[in-house]
N, C-alpha and C. Protein backbone atom coordinates (compact mmCIF):
# COMPACT_ATOMS: atom_id res chain seq x y z
N MET A 1 11.76 19.97 0.08
CA MET A 1 11.38 19.84 -1.34
C MET A 1 11.25 21.51 -1.78
N THR A 2 12.20 21.79 -2.78
CA THR A 2 11.42 23.47 -3.18
C THR A 2 10.56 23.58 -4.20
N ALA A 3 10.42 24.87 -3.93
CA ALA A 3 8.94 25.28 -4.65
C ALA A 3 8.79 24.74 -6.08
N ALA A 4 9.72 24.98 -6.83
CA ALA A 4 9.92 24.68 -8.25
C ALA A 4 9.36 23.09 -8.80
N TRP A 5 9.78 22.25 -7.90
CA TRP A 5 9.40 20.85 -7.68
C TRP A 5 8.03 20.49 -7.24
N THR A 6 7.03 20.38 -8.43
CA THR A 6 5.63 19.70 -8.14
C THR A 6 5.68 18.56 -8.56
N ARG A 7 4.47 17.95 -8.41
CA ARG A 7 4.45 16.57 -9.07
C ARG A 7 4.32 16.56 -10.11
N GLU A 8 3.70 17.44 -10.77
CA GLU A 8 3.74 17.46 -12.27
C GLU A 8 5.30 17.62 -12.97
N ALA A 9 5.87 18.47 -12.32
CA ALA A 9 7.32 18.67 -12.66
C ALA A 9 8.30 17.39 -12.51
N VAL A 10 7.86 16.92 -11.29
CA VAL A 10 8.31 15.31 -11.38
C VAL A 10 8.23 14.33 -12.23
N GLU A 11 6.94 14.20 -12.55
CA GLU A 11 6.49 13.38 -13.48
C GLU A 11 6.81 13.72 -14.71
N ALA A 12 7.39 15.03 -15.04
CA ALA A 12 7.42 15.17 -16.59
C ALA A 12 9.34 14.84 -16.55
N LEU A 13 9.79 14.60 -15.99
CA LEU A 13 11.23 13.97 -15.97
C LEU A 13 11.38 12.98 -16.72
N GLY A 14 10.07 11.94 -17.07
CA GLY A 14 10.23 10.81 -17.58
C GLY A 14 10.50 9.59 -16.79
N PRO A 15 10.83 8.41 -17.28
CA PRO A 15 10.53 6.94 -16.53
C PRO A 15 11.75 7.21 -15.32
N THR A 16 12.77 7.60 -15.81
CA THR A 16 14.10 7.79 -14.81
C THR A 16 14.93 9.37 -14.57
N THR A 17 15.42 9.55 -13.46
CA THR A 17 16.18 10.57 -13.23
C THR A 17 17.59 10.17 -12.69
N ASP A 18 18.50 11.18 -12.42
CA ASP A 18 19.54 11.02 -11.97
C ASP A 18 19.68 11.67 -10.53
N VAL A 19 20.82 11.09 -9.85
CA VAL A 19 21.04 11.42 -8.48
C VAL A 19 20.80 12.87 -8.20
N PRO A 20 21.77 13.83 -9.00
CA PRO A 20 21.82 15.16 -8.82
C PRO A 20 20.17 15.96 -8.90
N THR A 21 19.16 15.29 -9.74
CA THR A 21 18.18 15.72 -9.87
C THR A 21 17.46 15.40 -8.50
N MET A 22 17.44 14.12 -8.13
CA MET A 22 16.78 13.70 -7.10
C MET A 22 17.06 14.49 -6.12
N ALA A 23 18.49 14.91 -5.74
CA ALA A 23 19.06 15.53 -4.54
C ALA A 23 18.30 16.96 -4.77
N SER A 24 18.36 17.72 -5.86
CA SER A 24 17.30 19.08 -5.91
C SER A 24 16.18 19.08 -5.44
N ILE A 25 15.30 17.54 -6.05
CA ILE A 25 13.58 17.71 -5.59
C ILE A 25 13.87 17.48 -4.06
N LEU A 26 14.76 16.73 -3.50
CA LEU A 26 14.56 16.46 -2.10
C LEU A 26 15.34 17.66 -1.19
N ASP A 27 16.13 18.50 -1.72
CA ASP A 27 16.50 19.52 -1.30
C ASP A 27 17.87 19.14 -0.13
N VAL A 28 18.64 18.06 -0.77
CA VAL A 28 19.72 17.79 -0.22
C VAL A 28 20.87 17.94 -0.78
N HIS A 29 22.15 17.58 -0.26
CA HIS A 29 23.24 17.64 -1.21
C HIS A 29 23.57 16.14 -2.11
N LYS A 30 23.92 16.33 -3.29
CA LYS A 30 24.06 15.01 -4.07
C LYS A 30 24.92 14.22 -3.32
N ASP A 31 26.05 14.57 -2.74
CA ASP A 31 27.17 13.64 -1.99
C ASP A 31 26.49 13.12 -1.04
N THR A 32 25.48 13.44 -0.21
CA THR A 32 24.68 12.68 0.82
C THR A 32 23.92 11.54 0.49
N ILE A 33 23.50 11.67 -0.54
CA ILE A 33 22.78 10.48 -1.58
C ILE A 33 23.54 9.50 -1.86
N TYR A 34 24.75 10.30 -2.79
CA TYR A 34 26.03 9.05 -3.37
C TYR A 34 26.15 8.36 -2.01
N ALA A 35 26.61 8.83 -0.95
CA ALA A 35 27.24 8.24 0.05
C ALA A 35 26.08 7.34 0.59
N LEU A 36 24.98 7.58 0.77
CA LEU A 36 24.22 6.65 1.41
C LEU A 36 23.91 5.24 0.70
N ILE A 37 23.96 5.68 -0.70
CA ILE A 37 23.85 4.54 -1.81
C ILE A 37 24.86 3.54 -1.60
N ARG A 38 26.22 4.28 -1.65
CA ARG A 38 27.29 3.68 -1.84
C ARG A 38 27.51 2.53 -0.25
N ARG A 39 27.07 2.99 0.84
CA ARG A 39 26.75 2.37 2.21
C ARG A 39 25.94 1.12 2.14
N GLY A 40 24.91 1.29 1.27
CA GLY A 40 23.79 0.49 1.39
C GLY A 40 22.85 0.86 2.22
N GLU A 41 22.61 2.19 2.49
CA GLU A 41 21.61 2.87 3.37
C GLU A 41 20.65 3.34 3.05
N TRP A 42 20.43 3.60 1.28
CA TRP A 42 19.25 4.14 0.57
C TRP A 42 18.24 3.45 0.36
N THR A 43 17.19 3.60 1.18
CA THR A 43 16.16 2.78 0.93
C THR A 43 14.98 3.42 0.38
N ALA A 44 15.06 4.75 0.19
CA ALA A 44 13.99 5.84 0.03
C ALA A 44 13.38 4.97 -1.53
N THR A 45 14.14 4.86 -2.32
CA THR A 45 13.50 4.75 -3.58
C THR A 45 14.79 3.62 -4.26
N ARG A 46 14.14 3.02 -5.31
CA ARG A 46 15.03 1.91 -5.75
C ARG A 46 16.25 2.63 -6.62
N VAL A 47 17.65 2.21 -7.05
CA VAL A 47 18.53 2.64 -7.50
C VAL A 47 18.94 1.53 -8.57
N LEU A 48 18.64 2.12 -9.77
CA LEU A 48 19.25 1.35 -11.17
C LEU A 48 20.55 1.48 -11.50
N PRO A 49 21.66 0.62 -11.45
CA PRO A 49 22.96 1.09 -11.74
C PRO A 49 22.96 0.89 -13.22
N LEU A 50 23.28 1.74 -14.15
CA LEU A 50 23.50 1.54 -15.52
C LEU A 50 24.94 1.89 -15.98
N GLY A 51 25.63 0.89 -15.88
CA GLY A 51 27.24 1.22 -16.06
C GLY A 51 27.80 2.13 -15.15
N ARG A 52 28.11 3.43 -15.03
CA ARG A 52 28.60 4.22 -14.24
C ARG A 52 27.72 5.01 -13.56
N LYS A 53 26.54 5.17 -14.28
CA LYS A 53 25.47 6.11 -13.75
C LYS A 53 24.40 5.30 -13.09
N LEU A 54 23.81 6.11 -12.02
CA LEU A 54 22.75 5.60 -11.25
C LEU A 54 21.57 6.16 -11.80
N LYS A 55 20.74 5.58 -11.97
CA LYS A 55 19.31 6.03 -12.23
C LYS A 55 18.27 5.78 -11.31
N ILE A 56 17.33 6.63 -10.84
CA ILE A 56 16.18 6.45 -9.91
C ILE A 56 14.73 6.68 -10.52
N PRO A 57 13.83 5.56 -10.56
CA PRO A 57 12.69 5.56 -11.09
C PRO A 57 11.65 6.78 -10.73
N THR A 58 11.19 7.75 -11.53
CA THR A 58 10.54 8.46 -10.98
C THR A 58 9.35 8.34 -10.46
N ARG A 59 8.80 7.19 -10.66
CA ARG A 59 7.45 6.68 -10.13
C ARG A 59 7.84 6.37 -8.55
N ASP A 60 8.95 5.87 -8.28
CA ASP A 60 9.47 5.82 -6.83
C ASP A 60 9.59 7.30 -6.18
N LEU A 61 9.87 8.52 -6.84
CA LEU A 61 9.93 9.68 -5.90
C LEU A 61 8.44 10.13 -5.77
N VAL A 62 7.73 9.97 -6.88
CA VAL A 62 6.22 10.55 -7.03
C VAL A 62 5.63 9.57 -5.63
N ASP A 63 5.90 8.49 -5.45
CA ASP A 63 5.30 7.58 -4.27
C ASP A 63 5.96 8.16 -2.91
N LEU A 64 7.34 8.48 -3.07
CA LEU A 64 7.91 8.64 -1.79
C LEU A 64 7.51 10.34 -1.22
N LEU A 65 7.14 10.98 -2.39
CA LEU A 65 6.69 12.46 -2.11
C LEU A 65 5.40 12.64 -1.87
N TYR A 66 4.49 11.89 -2.68
CA TYR A 66 3.13 12.18 -2.69
C TYR A 66 2.52 10.73 -2.42
N PRO A 67 2.24 10.07 -1.31
CA PRO A 67 1.79 8.80 -1.04
C PRO A 67 0.35 8.82 -1.17
N SER A 68 -0.10 7.86 -1.90
CA SER A 68 -1.44 7.57 -2.42
C SER A 68 -2.28 7.52 -1.05
N GLU A 69 -3.46 7.82 -1.03
CA GLU A 69 -4.35 7.49 0.15
C GLU A 69 -4.65 6.17 0.28
N PRO A 70 -4.93 5.57 1.36
CA PRO A 70 -5.45 4.25 1.40
C PRO A 70 -6.79 4.26 1.06
N ALA A 71 -7.24 3.18 0.35
CA ALA A 71 -8.63 3.00 0.18
C ALA A 71 -9.63 3.10 1.39
N LEU A 72 -10.64 3.79 1.27
CA LEU A 72 -11.42 3.90 2.26
C LEU A 72 -12.23 2.39 2.59
N GLN A 73 -12.30 1.94 3.59
CA GLN A 73 -13.29 0.79 3.89
C GLN A 73 -14.69 1.29 3.69
N VAL A 74 -15.59 0.57 2.83
CA VAL A 74 -16.79 0.67 3.00
C VAL A 74 -17.64 -0.10 3.67
N SER A 75 -18.59 0.25 4.82
CA SER A 75 -19.11 -0.73 5.40
C SER A 75 -20.35 -1.01 4.48
N PRO A 76 -20.98 -2.39 4.89
CA PRO A 76 -22.06 -2.73 4.10
C PRO A 76 -23.31 -1.77 4.55
N ALA A 77 -24.23 -1.63 3.22
CA ALA A 77 -25.47 -0.88 3.68
C ALA A 77 -26.19 -1.72 4.59
N VAL A 78 -26.35 -3.03 4.97
CA VAL A 78 -27.03 -3.78 5.72
C VAL A 78 -26.02 -4.76 6.57
N PRO A 79 -25.63 -4.11 7.75
CA PRO A 79 -24.77 -4.75 8.39
C PRO A 79 -25.50 -6.18 9.05
N SER A 80 -24.52 -7.09 9.00
CA SER A 80 -24.97 -8.28 9.50
C SER A 80 -25.18 -8.27 11.00
N GLN A 81 -25.79 -9.54 11.56
CA GLN A 81 -25.73 -9.38 13.12
C GLN A 81 -24.34 -9.61 13.73
N CYS A 82 -23.53 -10.05 13.05
CA CYS A 82 -22.31 -10.33 13.73
C CYS A 82 -21.35 -10.10 12.60
N GLN A 83 -19.83 -9.82 12.91
CA GLN A 83 -19.18 -9.21 11.85
C GLN A 83 -17.66 -10.36 11.90
N HIS A 84 -18.08 -11.71 12.09
CA HIS A 84 -17.08 -12.70 12.17
C HIS A 84 -17.34 -13.97 11.38
N ILE A 85 -16.28 -14.67 11.43
CA ILE A 85 -16.24 -15.83 10.42
C ILE A 85 -17.29 -16.80 10.49
N GLU A 86 -18.23 -17.30 9.72
CA GLU A 86 -19.08 -18.47 9.92
C GLU A 86 -18.54 -19.70 9.85
N TYR A 87 -18.64 -20.65 11.05
CA TYR A 87 -18.05 -21.84 10.77
C TYR A 87 -19.11 -22.92 10.47
N PRO A 88 -18.95 -24.13 9.77
CA PRO A 88 -19.60 -24.87 9.53
C PRO A 88 -20.43 -25.63 10.54
N GLN A 89 -20.17 -25.90 11.79
CA GLN A 89 -20.82 -26.13 12.70
C GLN A 89 -21.92 -25.33 13.37
N VAL A 90 -21.77 -24.10 13.01
CA VAL A 90 -22.85 -23.18 13.40
C VAL A 90 -24.19 -23.33 13.00
N THR A 91 -25.21 -23.54 13.81
CA THR A 91 -26.42 -23.72 13.33
C THR A 91 -27.30 -22.22 13.68
N ALA A 92 -28.86 -22.30 13.54
CA ALA A 92 -29.49 -21.20 13.69
C ALA A 92 -29.75 -21.47 15.21
N SER A 93 -29.75 -22.56 15.72
CA SER A 93 -29.95 -22.51 17.23
C SER A 93 -28.89 -22.38 18.34
N THR A 94 -27.78 -22.29 17.42
CA THR A 94 -26.49 -22.73 18.42
C THR A 94 -25.58 -21.27 17.97
N PRO A 95 -25.88 -20.46 19.43
CA PRO A 95 -25.06 -19.32 19.56
C PRO A 95 -23.56 -19.27 19.31
N HIS A 96 -22.96 -18.41 18.93
CA HIS A 96 -21.84 -18.22 18.53
C HIS A 96 -20.66 -18.19 19.69
N ALA A 97 -19.46 -18.84 19.83
CA ALA A 97 -18.99 -18.73 21.29
C ALA A 97 -18.30 -17.49 21.69
N SER A 98 -17.72 -16.65 20.80
CA SER A 98 -17.21 -15.49 20.89
C SER A 98 -18.11 -14.32 21.47
N CYS A 99 -19.11 -14.15 20.42
CA CYS A 99 -20.03 -13.47 20.88
C CYS A 99 -21.53 -13.29 21.49
N GLY A 100 -21.89 -14.68 20.96
CA GLY A 100 -23.05 -15.00 22.01
C GLY A 100 -24.26 -15.12 20.93
N CYS A 101 -24.12 -14.50 19.69
CA CYS A 101 -25.00 -13.95 18.73
C CYS A 101 -25.80 -15.37 18.34
N THR A 102 -26.78 -15.38 17.62
CA THR A 102 -27.37 -16.43 16.72
C THR A 102 -27.32 -16.04 15.53
N PRO A 103 -26.81 -16.88 14.50
CA PRO A 103 -26.54 -16.37 13.02
C PRO A 103 -28.12 -16.43 12.30
N VAL A 104 -28.38 -15.45 11.64
CA VAL A 104 -29.44 -15.55 10.84
C VAL A 104 -29.79 -16.84 9.92
N GLU A 105 -31.12 -17.12 9.57
CA GLU A 105 -31.51 -18.20 8.98
C GLU A 105 -30.45 -18.23 7.68
N SER A 106 -30.19 -17.40 6.87
CA SER A 106 -29.63 -17.20 5.86
C SER A 106 -27.90 -17.84 5.98
N ALA A 107 -27.63 -17.77 7.01
CA ALA A 107 -25.92 -17.96 7.45
C ALA A 107 -26.01 -19.47 8.02
N VAL A 108 -27.15 -20.30 7.82
CA VAL A 108 -27.24 -21.64 8.18
C VAL A 108 -26.62 -22.47 7.00
N ILE A 109 -25.62 -23.22 7.53
CA ILE A 109 -25.30 -24.20 6.55
C ILE A 109 -25.86 -25.71 6.66
N ARG A 110 -26.35 -26.08 5.51
CA ARG A 110 -27.50 -27.38 5.52
C ARG A 110 -26.59 -28.05 4.71
N PRO A 111 -26.84 -29.58 4.83
CA PRO A 111 -26.30 -30.62 4.16
C PRO A 111 -27.35 -30.63 2.84
N LEU A 112 -26.71 -31.15 1.69
CA LEU A 112 -27.34 -31.21 0.42
C LEU A 112 -28.42 -32.02 0.58
N ARG A 113 -29.65 -32.15 -0.23
CA ARG A 113 -30.70 -33.12 -0.32
C ARG A 113 -29.98 -34.25 -0.90
N GLY A 114 -30.23 -35.58 -0.37
CA GLY A 114 -29.97 -36.86 -0.97
C GLY A 114 -28.28 -37.18 -0.64
N ALA A 115 -27.68 -36.19 0.17
CA ALA A 115 -26.27 -36.45 0.51
C ALA A 115 -26.09 -37.41 1.49
């Protein structure tokens, strides 16, 4: 990518761009991209054929060049005793088979009254 193409410059292109502009952004020859598209090997972005013209969504280019950071997993403020799925047959006196822990009282599943 050349120094002239910043994220803001790519986003300012509008909703779509053409292959020569994309080639300039990626710093490759446009014929290389056209050949990859023609052979069906171009998978970096979507290609929108509009008559004889090929348009590339600028959002795809931004996502390709500047991938978003994955969301950080936030751990609970107060961790539970175990971090696995509760099963209906687990009671306060039955330890879990996989970890051997005993669930806390709030994790006990009780039948409804009168049921």
